[in-house]
Amino acid sequence: MDTPKTKGPYPQGTHPSWPLHYEVGTVPTEFRGACSHTNWTSWCHSTTKGAAIHEYTGKVTMLVLLAGIFLLHITAIILLLVATIDNAWWFTNTVSTDVWARWVKINNVWNYTDLPSHYPQEYLQAVQATSVLACIFSILGLFVFVGQLFTLAKGQRFTFSGIFQLIACLCIMIAASIYTDIFHKDEKNGWYGHSYILAWIAFVLTFISTIIYFVLRKKTA
């Protein structure tokens, strides 16, 4: 190997700034032709600075990504709760229906009533149960997401959050699908309300967050 041409009181290749893992009196092939040890010192400093900047940028990017996932998860939970609680799955000019009860407008006053007895009780209970379960699993998934950031090692993070969110996704999909297929099929004078629409939007958001969780798990493995 060629030897570096150094200036100053130090012998060739023995300046204190010279990396210890290189042999004294030698210079790496990619840096042959350096005119002085000053060039090598400058390169070391610039490389160290570049690595620090790259590491800092990676951390900032991960923090932004985690914040985005957190907001996406919170949004999905809010939509699930509104869809489950609010009485706006089916509307007519005088009726507002959800999966729990019905409001009927009489003399310009809305009156709370039970759901009609002709509703299939088995399917109705299935819609109610899966809607509630979707909320529960999505909320649990959020707590697990926050907790596992501080307790689990890389490669194990996001797995349980993804599983909980996947279950919530399947539950709200089942609820909305049953409601679509079983209820109000023969009613011509009504329309689906915003709670029904929000249930489908929540399904999409939970599905997206599930994919993100499993992708992040592989990237951090």
Protein backbone atom coordinates (compact mmCIF):
# COMPACT_ATOMS: atom_id res chain seq x y z
CA MET A 1 0.00 0.00 0.00
CA ASP A 2 1.04 3.60 -0.56
CA THR A 3 1.95 5.68 2.45
CA PRO A 4 0.29 8.99 3.18
CA LYS A 5 2.32 12.10 2.61
CA THR A 6 2.10 13.94 5.90
CA LYS A 7 3.51 17.24 7.00
CA GLY A 8 4.71 18.25 10.44
CA PRO A 9 6.71 16.60 13.18
CA TYR A 10 4.89 13.26 13.07
CA PRO A 11 6.26 10.26 11.16
CA GLN A 12 4.25 9.00 8.23
CA GLY A 13 0.90 7.49 9.40
CA THR A 14 1.52 8.12 13.11
CA HIS A 15 -0.43 11.36 13.65
CA PRO A 16 -2.87 11.02 16.62
CA SER A 17 -5.84 11.71 14.32
CA TRP A 18 -5.05 8.63 12.23
CA PRO A 19 -7.65 5.83 12.87
CA LEU A 20 -6.26 3.07 15.06
CA HIS A 21 -7.74 0.30 12.93
CA TYR A 22 -5.44 1.19 10.03
CA GLU A 23 -1.88 0.00 9.96
CA VAL A 24 0.77 2.60 10.71
CA GLY A 25 2.31 3.93 7.53
CA THR A 26 -0.62 2.89 5.34
CA VAL A 27 -3.69 4.59 3.97
CA PRO A 28 -6.94 3.00 2.74
CA THR A 29 -7.16 2.47 -1.00
CA GLU A 30 -10.05 4.88 -1.38
CA PHE A 31 -7.97 7.65 0.21
CA ARG A 32 -4.69 7.13 -1.53
CA GLY A 33 -3.25 10.28 -2.89
CA ALA A 34 -4.24 12.41 0.09
CA CYS A 35 -1.77 15.23 0.23
CA SER A 36 -1.56 15.54 4.04
CA HIS A 37 -2.88 14.23 7.34
CA THR A 38 -5.08 17.35 7.48
CA ASN A 39 -7.20 15.98 4.63
CA TRP A 40 -7.70 12.73 6.52
CA THR A 41 -8.65 14.57 9.71
CA SER A 42 -11.21 16.67 7.84
CA TRP A 43 -12.70 13.55 6.29
CA CYS A 44 -13.04 11.90 9.72
CA HIS A 45 -14.78 14.94 11.13
CA SER A 46 -17.17 15.24 8.19
CA THR A 47 -17.99 11.52 8.28
CA THR A 48 -18.74 11.62 12.01
CA LYS A 49 -20.95 14.68 11.55
CA GLY A 50 -22.79 13.04 8.63
CA ALA A 51 -23.46 9.89 10.65
CA ALA A 52 -24.82 11.95 13.55
CA ILE A 53 -27.11 13.89 11.22
CA HIS A 54 -28.33 10.66 9.61
CA GLU A 55 -29.08 9.13 13.03
CA TYR A 56 -30.91 12.27 14.17
CA THR A 57 -32.98 12.38 10.97
CA GLY A 58 -33.95 8.73 11.43
CA LYS A 59 -35.13 9.35 14.99
CA VAL A 60 -37.18 12.39 13.97
CA THR A 61 -38.77 10.44 11.12
CA MET A 62 -39.72 7.60 13.48
CA LEU A 63 -41.21 10.03 16.01
CA VAL A 64 -43.31 11.69 13.31
CA LEU A 65 -44.44 8.28 12.08
CA LEU A 66 -45.41 7.14 15.58
CA ALA A 67 -47.33 10.38 16.16
CA GLY A 68 -49.21 9.84 12.90
CA ILE A 69 -50.09 6.26 13.86
CA PHE A 70 -51.27 7.44 17.28
CA LEU A 71 -53.57 10.06 15.72
CA LEU A 72 -54.88 7.52 13.20
CA HIS A 73 -55.68 5.09 16.02
CA ILE A 74 -57.40 7.81 18.09
CA THR A 75 -59.49 8.81 15.07
CA ALA A 76 -60.58 5.22 14.51
CA ILE A 77 -61.62 4.88 18.17
CA ILE A 78 -63.68 8.08 18.02
CA LEU A 79 -65.47 6.94 14.87
CA LEU A 80 -66.17 3.54 16.39
CA LEU A 81 -67.65 5.10 19.52
CA VAL A 82 -69.83 7.53 17.56
CA ALA A 83 -71.04 4.77 15.24
CA THR A 84 -71.89 2.52 18.19
CA ILE A 85 -73.55 5.10 20.45
CA ASP A 86 -75.21 7.66 18.18
CA ASN A 87 -78.77 6.96 17.01
CA ALA A 88 -78.17 7.51 13.32
CA TRP A 89 -77.92 4.19 11.48
CA TRP A 90 -81.19 4.56 9.60
CA PHE A 91 -83.30 7.64 8.91
CA THR A 92 -86.73 8.48 7.58
CA ASN A 93 -88.59 11.76 7.82
CA THR A 94 -90.08 10.73 11.16
CA VAL A 95 -87.79 7.98 12.47
CA SER A 96 -84.17 7.84 13.62
CA THR A 97 -82.81 4.37 14.38
CA ASP A 98 -79.61 2.97 15.81
CA VAL A 99 -78.64 -0.52 16.97
CA TRP A 100 -80.12 0.05 20.44
CA ALA A 101 -83.40 1.93 20.08
CA ARG A 102 -85.53 4.16 17.87
CA TRP A 103 -86.60 7.79 18.04
CA VAL A 104 -90.00 8.60 16.52
CA LYS A 105 -91.12 12.13 15.73
CA ILE A 106 -94.68 12.79 16.93
CA ASN A 107 -96.14 16.31 16.85
CA ASN A 108 -92.67 17.70 16.16
CA VAL A 109 -91.33 16.02 19.29
CA TRP A 110 -88.85 13.15 19.20
CA ASN A 111 -89.89 10.24 21.39
CA TYR A 112 -87.65 7.39 22.51
CA THR A 113 -89.05 3.92 21.76
CA ASP A 114 -87.82 0.35 21.59
CA LEU A 115 -86.77 -1.21 18.33
CA PRO A 116 -89.57 -2.93 16.40
CA SER A 117 -90.31 -6.47 17.48
CA HIS A 118 -90.01 -7.75 13.92
CA TYR A 119 -86.27 -7.07 13.91
CA PRO A 120 -84.41 -10.43 13.91
CA GLN A 121 -83.13 -10.56 17.47
CA GLU A 122 -80.20 -12.87 16.77
CA TYR A 123 -78.81 -10.59 14.07
CA LEU A 124 -79.52 -7.49 16.12
CA GLN A 125 -77.60 -8.87 19.08
CA ALA A 126 -74.74 -9.83 16.79
CA VAL A 127 -74.55 -6.24 15.49
CA GLN A 128 -74.64 -4.85 19.02
CA ALA A 129 -72.00 -7.25 20.33
CA THR A 130 -69.55 -6.81 17.48
CA SER A 131 -69.90 -3.02 17.58
CA VAL A 132 -69.06 -2.94 21.28
CA LEU A 133 -66.20 -5.42 20.85
CA ALA A 134 -64.72 -3.29 18.06
CA CYS A 135 -64.57 -0.32 20.45
CA ILE A 136 -63.08 -2.39 23.26
CA PHE A 137 -60.34 -4.03 21.18
CA SER A 138 -59.39 -0.78 19.48
CA ILE A 139 -59.04 1.00 22.85
CA LEU A 140 -57.00 -1.91 24.23
CA GLY A 141 -54.82 -1.75 21.13
CA LEU A 142 -54.05 1.92 21.81
CA PHE A 143 -52.96 1.22 25.40
CA VAL A 144 -50.84 -1.69 24.22
CA PHE A 145 -49.29 0.53 21.50
CA VAL A 146 -48.17 3.09 24.09
CA GLY A 147 -47.03 0.51 26.63
CA GLN A 148 -45.00 -1.65 24.27
CA LEU A 149 -42.87 1.31 23.16
CA PHE A 150 -41.25 1.26 26.61
CA THR A 151 -41.44 -2.41 27.56
CA LEU A 152 -40.76 -4.57 24.50
CA ALA A 153 -37.58 -4.99 22.50
CA LYS A 154 -37.28 -4.29 18.80
CA GLY A 155 -38.88 -6.99 16.71
CA GLN A 156 -41.66 -7.54 19.24
CA ARG A 157 -43.16 -4.06 19.18
CA PHE A 158 -46.45 -3.37 17.39
CA THR A 159 -47.37 -7.05 17.16
CA PHE A 160 -50.05 -7.01 19.85
CA SER A 161 -51.36 -3.62 18.74
CA GLY A 162 -51.75 -4.98 15.23
CA ILE A 163 -53.60 -8.05 16.51
CA PHE A 164 -56.02 -6.01 18.63
CA GLN A 165 -56.64 -3.59 15.77
CA LEU A 166 -57.21 -6.46 13.36
CA ILE A 167 -59.86 -7.93 15.68
CA ALA A 168 -61.53 -4.50 15.95
CA CYS A 169 -61.48 -4.21 12.17
CA LEU A 170 -63.16 -7.59 11.72
CA CYS A 171 -65.77 -6.84 14.41
CA ILE A 172 -66.96 -3.55 12.92
CA MET A 173 -66.94 -5.09 9.45
CA ILE A 174 -69.20 -7.91 10.68
CA ALA A 175 -71.55 -5.44 12.40
CA ALA A 176 -71.90 -3.20 9.36
CA SER A 177 -72.22 -6.13 6.97
CA ILE A 178 -75.00 -7.80 8.99
CA TYR A 179 -76.86 -4.50 9.30
CA THR A 180 -76.60 -3.93 5.56
CA ASP A 181 -77.76 -7.41 4.62
CA ILE A 182 -80.52 -7.95 7.19
CA PHE A 183 -82.10 -4.66 8.22
CA HIS A 184 -84.15 -2.15 6.17
CA LYS A 185 -83.72 -4.05 2.92
CA ASP A 186 -87.36 -3.61 1.94
CA GLU A 187 -87.78 -0.06 3.26
CA LYS A 188 -87.98 2.41 0.38
CA ASN A 189 -88.56 5.67 2.23
CA GLY A 190 -85.42 5.82 4.31
CA TRP A 191 -81.66 6.17 4.03
CA TYR A 192 -78.58 5.16 5.95
CA GLY A 193 -77.44 7.70 8.53
CA HIS A 194 -74.01 9.05 9.40
CA SER A 195 -73.36 6.43 12.11
CA TYR A 196 -73.64 3.67 9.51
CA ILE A 197 -71.25 5.56 7.23
CA LEU A 198 -68.83 6.20 10.08
CA ALA A 199 -68.83 2.49 10.88
CA TRP A 200 -67.51 1.72 7.39
CA ILE A 201 -64.97 4.54 7.59
CA ALA A 202 -63.79 3.16 10.94
CA PHE A 203 -63.39 -0.24 9.28
CA VAL A 204 -61.08 1.31 6.67
CA LEU A 205 -59.02 3.19 9.26
CA THR A 206 -58.60 0.16 11.51
CA PHE A 207 -57.59 -1.93 8.50
CA ILE A 208 -54.97 0.65 7.46
CA SER A 209 -53.57 0.92 10.98
CA THR A 210 -53.39 -2.88 11.20
CA ILE A 211 -51.23 -3.00 8.07
CA ILE A 212 -49.01 -0.20 9.39
CA TYR A 213 -48.46 -2.00 12.68
CA PHE A 214 -47.37 -5.22 11.00
CA VAL A 215 -45.14 -3.38 8.52
CA LEU A 216 -43.46 -1.46 11.34
CA ARG A 217 -42.92 -4.70 13.21
CA LYS A 218 -40.88 -6.04 10.29
CA LYS A 219 -38.92 -2.80 9.87
CA THR A 220 -37.94 -2.70 13.54
CA ALA A 221 -37.07 -6.40 13.70
